[in-house]
Amino acid sequence: MTQRIAILGAGVMGETLLAAILSAGHTTADVVISEKREERATELRDTYGVAVTGNADAVRDADVVLLVVKPQDVPALLAEIADAVRPGATVVSLAAGVRIDTMTAALPAGVAVIRAMPNTPALVGEGMFGISPGPGASDDQVAAVVALLESGGRVVVVDESQQDAVTAVSGSGPAYVFYLAEAMIAGGIAQGLDATTARLLVQQTLVGSAKLLAESDETAEELRRRVTSPNGTTHAAIETFDELGVNDAVIAGVAAAAARSIELSGPA
């Protein structure tokens, strides 16, 4: 059955989802995106051939509404669309820290809500989405949202109590990888490589290692051990990382990100 999809917010992630949804086979007639700035609206129409309207108009006939705005803008957006969104629709928030009960309280009865946490690799079709259905979301509605978001990557369904952990691991996770990449590139340059060569070596090593981890039945620990020959070069590096507490620092960083996510979400 054809679904009408409304994307509220035409920033980087909103446009990413728009492109992914269209690439997955949805027609331009099935998708509408909201944007207030006329110059940006014209750009979107010219690039994708979709309707660009205001928020309330976008949701009137929508089966699925994706909220892709900053967390602080969500309350006002929910108030704006509350009278326009139809019973039976599913509203999905991709804004960090917006709780299910916040959305439920702001929307009319009969509207299902789902909380989602995306990450930036969705820009290249390799995103990770953690979603948590509200109590009013049916299995069919959840399945429809999973299928929709899979156009931008992979999806895992978790209880809302785990959303702060999802935020800390996959939501913030790309920054950890880029942090490691920065350090590896700097290390390569310190050992005499030029910046271009160091970047190429690091980026392909990360791409290849991620693909190997994704396609292997072995754990990350097992794969690491396979590369680490006793008393070899990798062993020397890993020993140094352990002496400097890198493993503990990463675990502590994830915990700090989760704690900050809890703070930003406000009281339960």
Protein backbone atom coordinates (compact mmCIF):
# COMPACT_ATOMS: atom_id res chain seq x y z
CA MET A 1 0.00 0.00 0.00
CA THR A 2 1.32 3.43 -0.93
CA GLN A 3 2.27 5.60 2.02
CA ARG A 4 2.26 9.35 2.17
CA ILE A 5 5.38 10.61 3.93
CA ALA A 6 5.93 14.09 5.39
CA ILE A 7 9.43 15.22 6.34
CA LEU A 8 9.39 18.24 8.64
CA GLY A 9 12.77 19.91 8.47
CA ALA A 10 14.94 20.38 5.39
CA GLY A 11 18.36 20.46 7.03
CA VAL A 12 21.14 17.99 6.30
CA MET A 13 19.41 14.98 7.88
CA GLY A 14 16.00 15.92 6.44
CA GLU A 15 17.42 16.13 2.94
CA THR A 16 19.38 12.91 3.52
CA LEU A 17 16.19 11.05 4.40
CA LEU A 18 14.38 12.61 1.45
CA ALA A 19 17.05 11.41 -0.98
CA ALA A 20 17.18 7.95 0.61
CA ILE A 21 13.40 7.50 0.59
CA LEU A 22 13.17 8.47 -3.07
CA SER A 23 16.10 6.20 -3.96
CA ALA A 24 14.30 3.33 -2.22
CA GLY A 25 11.43 3.58 -4.71
CA HIS A 26 8.93 6.01 -3.24
CA THR A 27 7.59 8.40 -5.84
CA THR A 28 7.77 12.17 -5.59
CA ALA A 29 3.98 12.22 -5.32
CA ASP A 30 4.23 10.24 -2.07
CA VAL A 31 6.66 12.58 -0.30
CA VAL A 32 6.36 16.16 0.94
CA ILE A 33 8.95 18.17 2.86
CA SER A 34 8.50 21.38 4.81
CA GLU A 35 10.68 24.47 4.48
CA LYS A 36 9.98 28.12 5.29
CA ARG A 37 12.78 29.74 3.29
CA GLU A 38 11.63 30.19 -0.30
CA GLU A 39 15.14 29.96 -1.77
CA ARG A 40 15.71 26.62 -0.05
CA ALA A 41 12.21 25.43 -0.99
CA THR A 42 12.90 26.19 -4.65
CA GLU A 43 16.19 24.31 -4.43
CA LEU A 44 14.45 21.23 -3.06
CA ARG A 45 11.70 21.34 -5.70
CA ASP A 46 14.23 21.70 -8.50
CA THR A 47 16.52 18.96 -7.18
CA TYR A 48 14.00 16.32 -6.12
CA GLY A 49 10.70 17.24 -7.75
CA VAL A 50 8.77 16.99 -4.49
CA ALA A 51 6.17 19.29 -2.97
CA VAL A 52 7.56 21.75 -0.42
CA THR A 53 5.00 23.30 1.95
CA GLY A 54 4.49 24.55 5.47
CA ASN A 55 4.42 22.11 8.38
CA ALA A 56 0.64 21.89 8.88
CA ASP A 57 -0.05 21.43 5.17
CA ALA A 58 2.65 18.76 4.95
CA VAL A 59 1.08 16.51 7.58
CA ARG A 60 -2.62 16.70 6.62
CA ASP A 61 -2.64 13.61 4.41
CA ALA A 62 0.52 11.96 5.70
CA ASP A 63 0.65 8.40 6.96
CA VAL A 64 4.14 8.87 8.42
CA VAL A 65 5.50 12.19 9.71
CA LEU A 66 9.24 12.47 10.30
CA LEU A 67 10.28 15.28 12.67
CA VAL A 68 13.83 16.20 11.64
CA VAL A 69 14.42 19.44 13.53
CA LYS A 70 16.51 20.55 16.49
CA PRO A 71 15.31 19.17 19.85
CA GLN A 72 14.48 22.65 21.17
CA ASP A 73 12.20 23.23 18.17
CA VAL A 74 10.10 20.09 18.68
CA PRO A 75 7.56 21.42 21.24
CA ALA A 76 6.57 24.35 19.02
CA LEU A 77 6.44 22.08 15.97
CA LEU A 78 4.18 19.58 17.72
CA ALA A 79 1.84 22.42 18.75
CA GLU A 80 1.78 23.65 15.15
CA ILE A 81 0.83 20.30 13.62
CA ALA A 82 -1.40 18.90 16.37
CA ASP A 83 -4.66 20.02 14.75
CA ALA A 84 -3.57 18.93 11.26
CA VAL A 85 -2.11 15.46 11.79
CA ARG A 86 -4.76 12.82 11.19
CA PRO A 87 -5.75 9.91 13.47
CA GLY A 88 -3.97 6.74 12.40
CA ALA A 89 -0.81 8.58 11.37
CA THR A 90 2.60 7.76 12.84
CA VAL A 91 4.80 10.62 14.07
CA VAL A 92 8.49 9.81 14.34
CA SER A 93 10.89 12.15 16.13
CA LEU A 94 14.54 12.00 15.07
CA ALA A 95 15.45 14.80 17.49
CA ALA A 96 17.73 13.76 20.33
CA GLY A 97 16.18 13.56 23.77
CA VAL A 98 12.52 14.04 22.82
CA ARG A 99 10.61 11.52 24.91
CA ILE A 100 7.64 9.47 23.78
CA ASP A 101 5.41 10.89 26.52
CA THR A 102 6.24 14.43 25.38
CA MET A 103 5.03 13.64 21.87
CA THR A 104 1.99 11.70 23.06
CA ALA A 105 0.87 14.54 25.32
CA ALA A 106 1.15 17.09 22.49
CA LEU A 107 -0.65 15.10 19.79
CA PRO A 108 -4.30 14.02 19.50
CA ALA A 109 -5.49 10.57 20.47
CA GLY A 110 -5.11 7.98 17.74
CA VAL A 111 -1.73 9.26 16.55
CA ALA A 112 1.07 6.74 17.10
CA VAL A 113 4.50 8.04 18.12
CA ILE A 114 7.97 6.59 17.69
CA ARG A 115 11.25 7.95 19.05
CA ALA A 116 14.32 7.49 16.86
CA MET A 117 18.04 8.21 17.06
CA PRO A 118 19.85 8.46 13.71
CA ASN A 119 23.52 9.02 12.97
CA THR A 120 25.40 10.87 10.28
CA PRO A 121 26.53 7.90 8.13
CA ALA A 122 22.94 7.97 6.84
CA LEU A 123 24.40 10.64 4.54
CA VAL A 124 26.07 7.81 2.59
CA GLY A 125 23.33 5.21 3.10
CA GLU A 126 25.11 3.52 6.00
CA GLY A 127 23.27 5.04 8.93
CA MET A 128 22.26 3.35 12.16
CA PHE A 129 18.81 4.11 13.57
CA GLY A 130 17.66 3.06 17.02
CA ILE A 131 13.88 3.35 17.34
CA SER A 132 11.50 3.02 20.26
CA PRO A 133 7.76 2.67 19.58
CA GLY A 134 5.25 4.34 21.84
CA PRO A 135 2.52 2.21 23.41
CA GLY A 136 0.01 3.17 20.71
CA ALA A 137 2.17 2.11 17.76
CA SER A 138 0.99 -1.11 16.11
CA ASP A 139 3.30 -3.80 14.76
CA ASP A 140 2.37 -2.72 11.24
CA GLN A 141 3.21 0.91 11.96
CA VAL A 142 6.56 -0.05 13.48
CA ALA A 143 7.35 -2.28 10.50
CA ALA A 144 6.50 0.55 8.12
CA VAL A 145 8.85 2.95 9.90
CA VAL A 146 11.62 0.34 10.01
CA ALA A 147 11.27 -0.20 6.26
CA LEU A 148 11.30 3.55 5.66
CA LEU A 149 14.43 4.22 7.71
CA GLU A 150 16.23 1.22 6.25
CA SER A 151 16.47 3.27 3.07
CA GLY A 152 19.20 5.18 4.94
CA GLY A 153 20.93 2.31 6.70
CA ARG A 154 20.09 -0.25 9.38
CA VAL A 155 17.48 -0.14 12.14
CA VAL A 156 17.28 -1.69 15.60
CA VAL A 157 14.17 -1.58 17.80
CA VAL A 158 14.89 -0.95 21.48
CA ASP A 159 12.95 -0.02 24.59
CA GLU A 160 12.93 3.72 25.23
CA SER A 161 14.93 3.13 28.44
CA GLN A 162 17.86 2.17 26.18
CA GLN A 163 17.74 5.28 24.01
CA ASP A 164 20.40 7.11 26.00
CA ALA A 165 22.76 4.17 25.46
CA VAL A 166 21.91 4.13 21.74
CA THR A 167 22.67 7.86 21.62
CA ALA A 168 26.01 7.32 23.35
CA VAL A 169 27.08 4.38 21.16
CA SER A 170 25.76 4.98 17.64
CA GLY A 171 24.40 8.52 17.75
CA SER A 172 27.71 9.99 18.95
CA GLY A 173 29.76 7.04 17.69
CA PRO A 174 30.82 8.47 14.32
CA ALA A 175 32.65 11.25 16.19
CA TYR A 176 34.63 8.62 18.11
CA VAL A 177 35.70 7.00 14.85
CA PHE A 178 36.68 10.38 13.39
CA TYR A 179 38.61 11.12 16.59
CA LEU A 180 40.55 7.88 16.16
CA ALA A 181 41.10 8.71 12.49
CA GLU A 182 42.51 12.12 13.43
CA ALA A 183 44.97 10.50 15.85
CA MET A 184 46.02 7.81 13.37
CA ILE A 185 46.60 10.40 10.63
CA ALA A 186 48.62 12.54 13.05
CA GLY A 187 50.63 9.48 14.05
CA GLY A 188 51.36 8.66 10.44
CA ILE A 189 52.51 12.21 9.72
CA ALA A 190 54.73 12.10 12.82
CA GLN A 191 56.37 9.00 11.33
CA GLY A 192 57.19 10.81 8.09
CA LEU A 193 54.15 10.29 5.86
CA ASP A 194 52.70 13.22 3.95
CA ALA A 195 49.16 14.23 4.97
CA THR A 196 47.49 12.94 1.80
CA THR A 197 49.06 9.49 2.06
CA ALA A 198 48.36 9.26 5.79
CA ARG A 199 44.68 10.13 5.23
CA LEU A 200 44.32 7.55 2.46
CA LEU A 201 45.96 4.83 4.53
CA VAL A 202 43.73 5.59 7.52
CA GLN A 203 40.42 6.01 5.72
CA GLN A 204 40.77 2.79 3.74
CA THR A 205 41.94 0.92 6.82
CA LEU A 206 38.82 2.07 8.69
CA VAL A 207 36.50 1.29 5.76
CA GLY A 208 38.01 -2.16 5.28
CA SER A 209 38.05 -2.96 8.98
CA ALA A 210 34.42 -1.90 9.40
CA LYS A 211 33.40 -4.06 6.45
CA LEU A 212 35.35 -7.03 7.83
CA LEU A 213 33.67 -6.61 11.23
CA ALA A 214 30.23 -6.33 9.61
CA GLU A 215 30.66 -9.39 7.41
CA SER A 216 32.54 -11.65 9.85
CA ASP A 217 31.01 -14.03 12.36
CA GLU A 218 33.89 -13.28 14.71
CA THR A 219 33.72 -10.70 17.49
CA ALA A 220 35.72 -7.48 17.44
CA GLU A 221 37.96 -8.97 20.14
CA GLU A 222 38.62 -12.10 18.05
CA LEU A 223 39.40 -10.06 14.94
CA ARG A 224 41.80 -7.88 16.92
CA ARG A 225 43.59 -10.92 18.28
CA ARG A 226 44.03 -12.32 14.78
CA VAL A 227 45.94 -9.21 13.75
CA THR A 228 48.01 -9.06 16.94
CA SER A 229 50.99 -11.41 16.61
CA PRO A 230 52.96 -11.95 19.84
CA ASN A 231 55.76 -9.40 20.16
CA GLY A 232 54.90 -7.91 16.75
CA THR A 233 54.23 -4.33 15.72
CA THR A 234 50.49 -4.46 16.48
CA HIS A 235 51.22 -6.01 19.87
CA ALA A 236 53.51 -3.08 20.68
CA ALA A 237 50.75 -0.61 19.80
CA ILE A 238 48.04 -2.43 21.76
CA GLU A 239 50.29 -2.69 24.81
CA THR A 240 50.86 1.07 24.62
CA PHE A 241 47.11 1.72 24.31
CA ASP A 242 46.48 -0.45 27.38
CA GLU A 243 49.22 1.28 29.37
CA LEU A 244 47.67 4.66 28.52
CA GLY A 245 44.16 3.46 29.42
CA VAL A 246 42.61 3.91 25.97
CA ASN A 247 40.04 1.12 26.49
CA ASP A 248 38.91 2.54 29.83
CA ALA A 249 38.80 6.05 28.36
CA VAL A 250 36.47 4.96 25.54
CA ILE A 251 34.13 3.17 27.94
CA ALA A 252 34.12 6.22 30.21
CA GLY A 253 33.43 8.46 27.21
CA VAL A 254 30.40 6.40 26.20
CA ALA A 255 29.14 6.59 29.79
CA ALA A 256 29.59 10.37 29.79
CA ALA A 257 27.67 10.68 26.52
CA ALA A 258 24.83 8.56 27.94
CA ALA A 259 24.72 10.67 31.10
CA ARG A 260 24.56 13.87 29.06
CA SER A 261 21.76 12.38 26.94
CA ILE A 262 19.79 11.75 30.14
CA GLU A 263 20.34 15.35 31.22
CA LEU A 264 19.22 16.72 27.87
CA SER A 265 16.09 14.55 27.89
CA GLY A 266 14.91 16.09 31.12
CA PRO A 267 13.01 14.29 33.89
CA ALA A 268 11.25 11.08 32.94
